């Protein structure tokens, strides 16, 4: 994901959510609708989330230091994980509490035109933000489905904004349904039920974001497309005859570590081996520009050693045996 594309989507979502949060809170003050209060807190939480994403992007651009020699690229993952926590606690749990209180102590909605008008405005604003996120995501997802894009994207910002905006739009529809039913029946319980539905929705989205971001925090390998590019670039048939095995790890969304054992000719001199490694590194960086850190270990190919090396369970750093 390009940094500019992610930033554009975040800023669009931030602007929309700040305007919507103010409008919803004003509507709550005039109408007493719990759905409006839950939605205003939801939009405020979303605004804070976009602020966290922008902060994470800024901090991730810091130069590497002796203490952090691989840089700070993973800060983007940390702040995206914080977003899921905020969405769960501030957005989802608050909405559940407010919905429960409204059902327990229902009261009629006053000045109905405030919540209805604000909800319609919010739907338009959120649709604009969602459209921007979709447009920016389409330039990156290629032939992937939306589900695959959210699950496999190495940059967390666009999936986070997409899910937040989708949740916001569905939440607005739920709030409008709750308010409408409360007005039609004169029973404020429907407003509370709508609020409970919003809280449940936000918690589900927060859990999805937490699971996906946790995977990125643990460290994911390169995408299938990037792996294929690297594998094709390593071997030139002359100085490097075979890729014995390889491990990749995302140090950040646009920073990839590549560690591989490559086969060189057994009669090569040390100078020739060094030249082969340097040439292979250059080919890898050309084929996959995000490969910033590359470690290549030369070896003479052995079928038995390769059989062990390609098995993550047997190779150093691999997972232990499963039972």
Foldseek 3Di string as FASTA:
>chain_A
DDPVLLLVLLVLLLVLLVVLLVLLVVLCVQWVQLLSVLLSQLSVLSNVLSVLLVVLVVQQPDAADPVRNQGRQCSNLVSLLVSLVSLLPRRQVVLQVSLVVCLVPPAATGPLCSLLVSLVVSLVSLVVSLVSLVVSVCVPQPPDDPVCCLQPQQRNRSSSSNLSSVLSNVLSVLQNQLSVVCVVVVIRNSSSVSSNVSSVSSNVSSVSSNVSSVVSVVWDFDDPVLVVLLLVLQDPCAFFNHWLAKTKTDPHSLAIEIETETEGDPPDDPVSNVVSVVSSVVSSCVSRVNHPHYHYHYDHDDPVVSVQCHDLCRHPPRDDDDD
